[in-house]
Amino acid sequence: WEAAGGDFLKTQEEAYLNNARHQQALFESLQALERASLAISQKLPSECVAADLREASLALGTLIGEVSTEDILDRIFEKFCLGK
């Protein structure tokens, strides 16, 4: 948490992350990193740690504009009601 700037962001988040989507992405990433840290301390299998690290990476990717095909399709179809 501290390594990712968590303590600083507690007091400064409005100044640097005024976009709600960015705040959510950072929050999700920090949660995933905390889970990965806990998994390491509990000596869980590396697959568990890797899954949390991947989730953190994907969340941070949204901050820098990385978009997957799945993200695009989700955004397109969330606005439409597809009938039979």
PDB file of N, CA and C in Angstrom:
ATOM      1  N   TRP A   1       0.829  -1.191   0.000  1.00  0.00           N
ATOM      2  CA  TRP A   1       0.000   0.000   0.000  1.00  0.00           C
ATOM      3  C   TRP A   1       0.869   1.248   0.000  1.00  0.00           C
ATOM      4  N   GLU A   2       1.851   1.302   0.919  1.00  0.00           N
ATOM      5  CA  GLU A   2       2.722   2.470   0.982  1.00  0.00           C
ATOM      6  C   GLU A   2       3.550   2.617  -0.286  1.00  0.00           C
ATOM      7  N   ALA A   3       4.023   1.472  -0.825  1.00  0.00           N
ATOM      8  CA  ALA A   3       4.853   1.501  -2.028  1.00  0.00           C
ATOM      9  C   ALA A   3       4.084   2.070  -3.218  1.00  0.00           C
ATOM     10  N   ALA A   4       2.778   1.879  -3.232  1.00  0.00           N
ATOM     11  CA  ALA A   4       1.958   2.395  -4.329  1.00  0.00           C
ATOM     12  C   ALA A   4       1.483   3.818  -4.057  1.00  0.00           C
ATOM     13  N   GLY A   5       1.912   4.409  -2.952  1.00  0.00           N
ATOM     14  CA  GLY A   5       1.508   5.776  -2.638  1.00  0.00           C
ATOM     15  C   GLY A   5       0.204   5.861  -1.881  1.00  0.00           C
ATOM     16  N   GLY A   6      -0.215   4.765  -1.263  1.00  0.00           N
ATOM     17  CA  GLY A   6      -1.496   4.713  -0.580  1.00  0.00           C
ATOM     18  C   GLY A   6      -1.651   5.747   0.519  1.00  0.00           C
ATOM     19  N   ASP A   7      -0.620   5.900   1.371  1.00  0.00           N
ATOM     20  CA  ASP A   7      -0.728   6.868   2.458  1.00  0.00           C
ATOM     21  C   ASP A   7      -0.815   8.293   1.921  1.00  0.00           C
ATOM     22  N   PHE A   8      -0.046   8.601   0.887  1.00  0.00           N
ATOM     23  CA  PHE A   8      -0.090   9.927   0.290  1.00  0.00           C
ATOM     24  C   PHE A   8      -1.448  10.187  -0.340  1.00  0.00           C
ATOM     25  N   LEU A   9      -1.973   9.163  -1.017  1.00  0.00           N
ATOM     26  CA  LEU A   9      -3.254   9.337  -1.706  1.00  0.00           C
ATOM     27  C   LEU A   9      -4.413   9.522  -0.739  1.00  0.00           C
ATOM     28  N   LYS A  10      -4.286   9.024   0.476  1.00  0.00           N
ATOM     29  CA  LYS A  10      -5.358   9.215   1.457  1.00  0.00           C
ATOM     30  C   LYS A  10      -5.611  10.693   1.692  1.00  0.00           C
ATOM     31  N   THR A  11      -4.562  11.478   1.671  1.00  0.00           N
ATOM     32  CA  THR A  11      -4.711  12.899   1.962  1.00  0.00           C
ATOM     33  C   THR A  11      -4.773  13.754   0.703  1.00  0.00           C
ATOM     34  N   GLN A  12      -4.324  13.208  -0.439  1.00  0.00           N
ATOM     35  CA  GLN A  12      -4.206  14.020  -1.640  1.00  0.00           C
ATOM     36  C   GLN A  12      -5.042  13.518  -2.814  1.00  0.00           C
ATOM     37  N   GLU A  13      -5.913  12.552  -2.610  1.00  0.00           N
ATOM     38  CA  GLU A  13      -6.581  11.927  -3.749  1.00  0.00           C
ATOM     39  C   GLU A  13      -7.385  12.904  -4.595  1.00  0.00           C
ATOM     40  N   GLU A  14      -7.998  13.891  -4.007  1.00  0.00           N
ATOM     41  CA  GLU A  14      -8.792  14.832  -4.780  1.00  0.00           C
ATOM     42  C   GLU A  14      -7.921  15.670  -5.709  1.00  0.00           C
ATOM     43  N   ALA A  15      -6.709  15.979  -5.276  1.00  0.00           N
ATOM     44  CA  ALA A  15      -5.832  16.822  -6.078  1.00  0.00           C
ATOM     45  C   ALA A  15      -5.293  16.087  -7.293  1.00  0.00           C
ATOM     46  N   TYR A  16      -5.113  14.797  -7.194  1.00  0.00           N
ATOM     47  CA  TYR A  16      -4.479  14.050  -8.272  1.00  0.00           C
ATOM     48  C   TYR A  16      -5.425  13.097  -9.005  1.00  0.00           C
ATOM     49  N   LEU A  17      -6.447  12.660  -8.359  1.00  0.00           N
ATOM     50  CA  LEU A  17      -7.373  11.720  -8.976  1.00  0.00           C
ATOM     51  C   LEU A  17      -8.793  12.260  -8.873  1.00  0.00           C
ATOM     52  N   ASN A  18      -9.071  13.270  -9.650  1.00  0.00           N
ATOM     53  CA  ASN A  18     -10.398  13.877  -9.581  1.00  0.00           C
ATOM     54  C   ASN A  18     -11.397  13.182 -10.495  1.00  0.00           C
ATOM     55  N   ASN A  19     -10.962  12.201 -11.264  1.00  0.00           N
ATOM     56  CA  ASN A  19     -11.841  11.430 -12.132  1.00  0.00           C
ATOM     57  C   ASN A  19     -12.290  10.186 -11.366  1.00  0.00           C
ATOM     58  N   ALA A  20     -13.591   9.999 -11.212  1.00  0.00           N
ATOM     59  CA  ALA A  20     -14.124   8.876 -10.434  1.00  0.00           C
ATOM     60  C   ALA A  20     -13.686   7.538 -10.997  1.00  0.00           C
ATOM     61  N   ARG A  21     -13.602   7.437 -12.312  1.00  0.00           N
ATOM     62  CA  ARG A  21     -13.169   6.174 -12.929  1.00  0.00           C
ATOM     63  C   ARG A  21     -11.721   5.863 -12.572  1.00  0.00           C
ATOM     64  N   HIS A  22     -10.868   6.885 -12.540  1.00  0.00           N
ATOM     65  CA  HIS A  22      -9.472   6.692 -12.157  1.00  0.00           C
ATOM     66  C   HIS A  22      -9.357   6.318 -10.686  1.00  0.00           C
ATOM     67  N   GLN A  23     -10.145   6.964  -9.849  1.00  0.00           N
ATOM     68  CA  GLN A  23     -10.131   6.638  -8.430  1.00  0.00           C
ATOM     69  C   GLN A  23     -10.537   5.185  -8.217  1.00  0.00           C
ATOM     70  N   GLN A  24     -11.566   4.752  -8.922  1.00  0.00           N
ATOM     71  CA  GLN A  24     -12.033   3.374  -8.795  1.00  0.00           C
ATOM     72  C   GLN A  24     -10.973   2.391  -9.270  1.00  0.00           C
ATOM     73  N   ALA A  25     -10.320   2.702 -10.368  1.00  0.00           N
ATOM     74  CA  ALA A  25      -9.270   1.826 -10.896  1.00  0.00           C
ATOM     75  C   ALA A  25      -8.112   1.700  -9.910  1.00  0.00           C
ATOM     76  N   LEU A  26      -7.716   2.813  -9.319  1.00  0.00           N
ATOM     77  CA  LEU A  26      -6.630   2.770  -8.342  1.00  0.00           C
ATOM     78  C   LEU A  26      -7.052   2.001  -7.102  1.00  0.00           C
ATOM     79  N   PHE A  27      -8.275   2.219  -6.652  1.00  0.00           N
ATOM     80  CA  PHE A  27      -8.794   1.502  -5.489  1.00  0.00           C
ATOM     81  C   PHE A  27      -8.798   0.000  -5.748  1.00  0.00           C
ATOM     82  N   GLU A  28      -9.287  -0.413  -6.923  1.00  0.00           N
ATOM     83  CA  GLU A  28      -9.327  -1.839  -7.265  1.00  0.00           C
ATOM     84  C   GLU A  28      -7.925  -2.427  -7.344  1.00  0.00           C
ATOM     85  N   SER A  29      -6.999  -1.656  -7.893  1.00  0.00           N
ATOM     86  CA  SER A  29      -5.623  -2.124  -7.991  1.00  0.00           C
ATOM     87  C   SER A  29      -4.998  -2.295  -6.607  1.00  0.00           C
ATOM     88  N   LEU A  30      -5.205  -1.325  -5.751  1.00  0.00           N
ATOM     89  CA  LEU A  30      -4.642  -1.416  -4.406  1.00  0.00           C
ATOM     90  C   LEU A  30      -5.243  -2.580  -3.623  1.00  0.00           C
ATOM     91  N   GLN A  31      -6.532  -2.833  -3.799  1.00  0.00           N
ATOM     92  CA  GLN A  31      -7.150  -3.982  -3.138  1.00  0.00           C
ATOM     93  C   GLN A  31      -6.522  -5.284  -3.625  1.00  0.00           C
ATOM     94  N   ALA A  32      -6.319  -5.393  -4.931  1.00  0.00           N
ATOM     95  CA  ALA A  32      -5.711  -6.601  -5.493  1.00  0.00           C
ATOM     96  C   ALA A  32      -4.282  -6.772  -4.994  1.00  0.00           C
ATOM     97  N   LEU A  33      -3.533  -5.673  -4.885  1.00  0.00           N
ATOM     98  CA  LEU A  33      -2.169  -5.760  -4.367  1.00  0.00           C
ATOM     99  C   LEU A  33      -2.155  -6.184  -2.900  1.00  0.00           C
ATOM    100  N   GLU A  34      -3.116  -5.700  -2.137  1.00  0.00           N
ATOM    101  CA  GLU A  34      -3.208  -6.115  -0.734  1.00  0.00           C
ATOM    102  C   GLU A  34      -3.519  -7.608  -0.635  1.00  0.00           C
ATOM    103  N   ARG A  35      -4.410  -8.104  -1.520  1.00  0.00           N
ATOM    104  CA  ARG A  35      -4.713  -9.539  -1.528  1.00  0.00           C
ATOM    105  C   ARG A  35      -3.480 -10.351  -1.915  1.00  0.00           C
ATOM    106  N   ALA A  36      -2.721  -9.857  -2.883  1.00  0.00           N
ATOM    107  CA  ALA A  36      -1.497 -10.550  -3.296  1.00  0.00           C
ATOM    108  C   ALA A  36      -0.501 -10.588  -2.153  1.00  0.00           C
ATOM    109  N   SER A  37      -0.361  -9.488  -1.455  1.00  0.00           N
ATOM    110  CA  SER A  37       0.548  -9.439  -0.309  1.00  0.00           C
ATOM    111  C   SER A  37       0.127 -10.423   0.774  1.00  0.00           C
ATOM    112  N   LEU A  38      -1.161 -10.484   1.037  1.00  0.00           N
ATOM    113  CA  LEU A  38      -1.678 -11.426   2.030  1.00  0.00           C
ATOM    114  C   LEU A  38      -1.443 -12.861   1.575  1.00  0.00           C
ATOM    115  N   ALA A  39      -1.660 -13.135   0.300  1.00  0.00           N
ATOM    116  CA  ALA A  39      -1.441 -14.482  -0.230  1.00  0.00           C
ATOM    117  C   ALA A  39       0.020 -14.892  -0.081  1.00  0.00           C
ATOM    118  N   ILE A  40       0.923 -13.951  -0.312  1.00  0.00           N
ATOM    119  CA  ILE A  40       2.355 -14.234  -0.145  1.00  0.00           C
ATOM    120  C   ILE A  40       2.668 -14.539   1.311  1.00  0.00           C
ATOM    121  N   SER A  41       2.147 -13.703   2.216  1.00  0.00           N
ATOM    122  CA  SER A  41       2.432 -13.904   3.642  1.00  0.00           C
ATOM    123  C   SER A  41       1.842 -15.215   4.166  1.00  0.00           C
ATOM    124  N   GLN A  42       0.758 -15.671   3.538  1.00  0.00           N
ATOM    125  CA  GLN A  42       0.133 -16.931   3.938  1.00  0.00           C
ATOM    126  C   GLN A  42       0.703 -18.122   3.174  1.00  0.00           C
ATOM    127  N   LYS A  43       1.714 -17.836   2.331  1.00  0.00           N
ATOM    128  CA  LYS A  43       2.375 -18.880   1.542  1.00  0.00           C
ATOM    129  C   LYS A  43       1.397 -19.672   0.663  1.00  0.00           C
ATOM    130  N   LEU A  44       0.438 -18.956   0.083  1.00  0.00           N
ATOM    131  CA  LEU A  44      -0.507 -19.576  -0.840  1.00  0.00           C
ATOM    132  C   LEU A  44       0.199 -19.874  -2.162  1.00  0.00           C
ATOM    133  N   PRO A  45      -0.381 -20.731  -2.981  1.00  0.00           N
ATOM    134  CA  PRO A  45       0.246 -21.062  -4.269  1.00  0.00           C
ATOM    135  C   PRO A  45       0.475 -19.814  -5.125  1.00  0.00           C
ATOM    136  N   SER A  46       1.509 -19.893  -5.932  1.00  0.00           N
ATOM    137  CA  SER A  46       1.866 -18.739  -6.759  1.00  0.00           C
ATOM    138  C   SER A  46       0.746 -18.350  -7.724  1.00  0.00           C
ATOM    139  N   GLU A  47      -0.116 -19.301  -8.083  1.00  0.00           N
ATOM    140  CA  GLU A  47      -1.237 -18.988  -8.982  1.00  0.00           C
ATOM    141  C   GLU A  47      -2.185 -17.981  -8.339  1.00  0.00           C
ATOM    142  N   CYS A  48      -2.349 -18.086  -7.024  1.00  0.00           N
ATOM    143  CA  CYS A  48      -3.219 -17.143  -6.307  1.00  0.00           C
ATOM    144  C   CYS A  48      -2.623 -15.741  -6.336  1.00  0.00           C
ATOM    145  N   VAL A  49      -1.331 -15.668  -6.095  1.00  0.00           N
ATOM    146  CA  VAL A  49      -0.639 -14.379  -6.119  1.00  0.00           C
ATOM    147  C   VAL A  49      -0.700 -13.798  -7.532  1.00  0.00           C
ATOM    148  N   ALA A  50      -0.444 -14.634  -8.535  1.00  0.00           N
ATOM    149  CA  ALA A  50      -0.439 -14.175  -9.924  1.00  0.00           C
ATOM    150  C   ALA A  50      -1.805 -13.633 -10.336  1.00  0.00           C
ATOM    151  N   ALA A  51      -2.874 -14.280  -9.897  1.00  0.00           N
ATOM    152  CA  ALA A  51      -4.221 -13.813 -10.251  1.00  0.00           C
ATOM    153  C   ALA A  51      -4.469 -12.421  -9.681  1.00  0.00           C
ATOM    154  N   ASP A  52      -4.063 -12.195  -8.441  1.00  0.00           N
ATOM    155  CA  ASP A  52      -4.247 -10.872  -7.835  1.00  0.00           C
ATOM    156  C   ASP A  52      -3.369  -9.826  -8.517  1.00  0.00           C
ATOM    157  N   LEU A  53      -2.144 -10.192  -8.860  1.00  0.00           N
ATOM    158  CA  LEU A  53      -1.256  -9.253  -9.543  1.00  0.00           C
ATOM    159  C   LEU A  53      -1.779  -8.916 -10.936  1.00  0.00           C
ATOM    160  N   ARG A  54      -2.362  -9.889 -11.605  1.00  0.00           N
ATOM    161  CA  ARG A  54      -2.943  -9.630 -12.929  1.00  0.00           C
ATOM    162  C   ARG A  54      -4.124  -8.671 -12.806  1.00  0.00           C
ATOM    163  N   GLU A  55      -4.948  -8.877 -11.787  1.00  0.00           N
ATOM    164  CA  GLU A  55      -6.088  -7.984 -11.578  1.00  0.00           C
ATOM    165  C   GLU A  55      -5.612  -6.557 -11.302  1.00  0.00           C
ATOM    166  N   ALA A  56      -4.563  -6.425 -10.500  1.00  0.00           N
ATOM    167  CA  ALA A  56      -4.006  -5.099 -10.212  1.00  0.00           C
ATOM    168  C   ALA A  56      -3.475  -4.458 -11.487  1.00  0.00           C
ATOM    169  N   SER A  57      -2.793  -5.241 -12.297  1.00  0.00           N
ATOM    170  CA  SER A  57      -2.239  -4.735 -13.552  1.00  0.00           C
ATOM    171  C   SER A  57      -3.336  -4.274 -14.503  1.00  0.00           C
ATOM    172  N   LEU A  58      -4.401  -5.043 -14.605  1.00  0.00           N
ATOM    173  CA  LEU A  58      -5.511  -4.661 -15.484  1.00  0.00           C
ATOM    174  C   LEU A  58      -6.167  -3.365 -15.009  1.00  0.00           C
ATOM    175  N   ALA A  59      -6.333  -3.228 -13.701  1.00  0.00           N
ATOM    176  CA  ALA A  59      -6.938  -2.006 -13.164  1.00  0.00           C
ATOM    177  C   ALA A  59      -6.047  -0.801 -13.442  1.00  0.00           C
ATOM    178  N   LEU A  60      -4.742  -0.964 -13.254  1.00  0.00           N
ATOM    179  CA  LEU A  60      -3.832   0.143 -13.535  1.00  0.00           C
ATOM    180  C   LEU A  60      -3.780   0.456 -15.027  1.00  0.00           C
ATOM    181  N   GLY A  61      -3.977  -0.556 -15.849  1.00  0.00           N
ATOM    182  CA  GLY A  61      -3.995  -0.342 -17.296  1.00  0.00           C
ATOM    183  C   GLY A  61      -5.073   0.635 -17.724  1.00  0.00           C
ATOM    184  N   THR A  62      -6.169   0.651 -16.998  1.00  0.00           N
ATOM    185  CA  THR A  62      -7.232   1.598 -17.349  1.00  0.00           C
ATOM    186  C   THR A  62      -6.808   3.042 -17.095  1.00  0.00           C
ATOM    187  N   LEU A  63      -5.863   3.235 -16.171  1.00  0.00           N
ATOM    188  CA  LEU A  63      -5.380   4.589 -15.890  1.00  0.00           C
ATOM    189  C   LEU A  63      -4.535   5.140 -17.029  1.00  0.00           C
ATOM    190  N   ILE A  64      -3.855   4.256 -17.743  1.00  0.00           N
ATOM    191  CA  ILE A  64      -2.963   4.717 -18.809  1.00  0.00           C
ATOM    192  C   ILE A  64      -3.565   4.509 -20.194  1.00  0.00           C
ATOM    193  N   GLY A  65      -4.826   4.088 -20.220  1.00  0.00           N
ATOM    194  CA  GLY A  65      -5.529   3.993 -21.484  1.00  0.00           C
ATOM    195  C   GLY A  65      -5.479   2.649 -22.170  1.00  0.00           C
ATOM    196  N   GLU A  66      -4.952   1.626 -21.512  1.00  0.00           N
ATOM    197  CA  GLU A  66      -4.984   0.299 -22.117  1.00  0.00           C
ATOM    198  C   GLU A  66      -6.417  -0.202 -22.120  1.00  0.00           C
ATOM    199  N   VAL A  67      -6.866  -0.661 -23.261  1.00  0.00           N
ATOM    200  CA  VAL A  67      -8.234  -1.144 -23.398  1.00  0.00           C
ATOM    201  C   VAL A  67      -8.190  -2.482 -24.123  1.00  0.00           C
ATOM    202  N   SER A  68      -8.904  -3.456 -23.594  1.00  0.00           N
ATOM    203  CA  SER A  68      -8.959  -4.761 -24.244  1.00  0.00           C
ATOM    204  C   SER A  68     -10.194  -4.846 -25.130  1.00  0.00           C
ATOM    205  N   THR A  69     -10.202  -5.819 -26.006  1.00  0.00           N
ATOM    206  CA  THR A  69     -11.354  -6.054 -26.868  1.00  0.00           C
ATOM    207  C   THR A  69     -12.598  -6.315 -26.032  1.00  0.00           C
ATOM    208  N   GLU A  70     -12.432  -7.061 -24.960  1.00  0.00           N
ATOM    209  CA  GLU A  70     -13.562  -7.357 -24.082  1.00  0.00           C
ATOM    210  C   GLU A  70     -14.140  -6.077 -23.483  1.00  0.00           C
ATOM    211  N   ASP A  71     -13.280  -5.145 -23.104  1.00  0.00           N
ATOM    212  CA  ASP A  71     -13.745  -3.864 -22.559  1.00  0.00           C
ATOM    213  C   ASP A  71     -14.590  -3.106 -23.585  1.00  0.00           C
ATOM    214  N   ILE A  72     -14.130  -3.086 -24.813  1.00  0.00           N
ATOM    215  CA  ILE A  72     -14.857  -2.376 -25.863  1.00  0.00           C
ATOM    216  C   ILE A  72     -16.230  -3.000 -26.071  1.00  0.00           C
ATOM    217  N   LEU A  73     -16.270  -4.335 -26.161  1.00  0.00           N
ATOM    218  CA  LEU A  73     -17.553  -5.007 -26.354  1.00  0.00           C
ATOM    219  C   LEU A  73     -18.479  -4.780 -25.170  1.00  0.00           C
ATOM    220  N   ASP A  74     -17.944  -4.825 -23.960  1.00  0.00           N
ATOM    221  CA  ASP A  74     -18.770  -4.565 -22.775  1.00  0.00           C
ATOM    222  C   ASP A  74     -19.381  -3.176 -22.833  1.00  0.00           C
ATOM    223  N   ARG A  75     -18.589  -2.192 -23.214  1.00  0.00           N
ATOM    224  CA  ARG A  75     -19.088  -0.812 -23.290  1.00  0.00           C
ATOM    225  C   ARG A  75     -20.138  -0.649 -24.372  1.00  0.00           C
ATOM    226  N   ILE A  76     -19.950  -1.321 -25.488  1.00  0.00           N
ATOM    227  CA  ILE A  76     -20.922  -1.228 -26.580  1.00  0.00           C
ATOM    228  C   ILE A  76     -22.255  -1.831 -26.156  1.00  0.00           C
ATOM    229  N   PHE A  77     -22.215  -3.035 -25.587  1.00  0.00           N
ATOM    230  CA  PHE A  77     -23.450  -3.756 -25.324  1.00  0.00           C
ATOM    231  C   PHE A  77     -24.120  -3.372 -24.002  1.00  0.00           C
ATOM    232  N   GLU A  78     -23.439  -2.638 -23.140  1.00  0.00           N
ATOM    233  CA  GLU A  78     -24.102  -2.232 -21.897  1.00  0.00           C
ATOM    234  C   GLU A  78     -25.197  -1.201 -22.162  1.00  0.00           C
ATOM    235  N   LYS A  79     -25.136  -0.524 -23.313  1.00  0.00           N
ATOM    236  CA  LYS A  79     -26.122   0.515 -23.647  1.00  0.00           C
ATOM    237  C   LYS A  79     -27.313  -0.022 -24.421  1.00  0.00           C
ATOM    238  N   PHE A  80     -27.211  -1.262 -24.882  1.00  0.00           N
ATOM    239  CA  PHE A  80     -28.262  -1.802 -25.735  1.00  0.00           C
ATOM    240  C   PHE A  80     -29.015  -2.921 -25.037  1.00  0.00           C
ATOM    241  N   CYS A  81     -30.285  -2.988 -25.323  1.00  0.00           N
ATOM    242  CA  CYS A  81     -31.109  -4.106 -24.870  1.00  0.00           C
ATOM    243  C   CYS A  81     -31.336  -4.972 -26.095  1.00  0.00           C
ATOM    244  N   LEU A  82     -30.709  -6.123 -26.108  1.00  0.00           N
ATOM    245  CA  LEU A  82     -30.821  -7.000 -27.271  1.00  0.00           C
ATOM    246  C   LEU A  82     -31.955  -7.995 -27.052  1.00  0.00           C
ATOM    247  N   GLY A  83     -32.940  -7.937 -27.905  1.00  0.00           N
ATOM    248  CA  GLY A  83     -34.075  -8.836 -27.813  1.00  0.00           C
ATOM    249  C   GLY A  83     -33.910 -10.039 -28.718  1.00  0.00           C
ATOM    250  N   LYS A  84     -34.924 -10.876 -28.735  1.00  0.00           N
ATOM    251  CA  LYS A  84     -34.877 -12.071 -29.579  1.00  0.00           C
ATOM    252  C   LYS A  84     -35.177 -11.721 -31.018  1.00  0.00           C
TER     253      LYS A  84
END
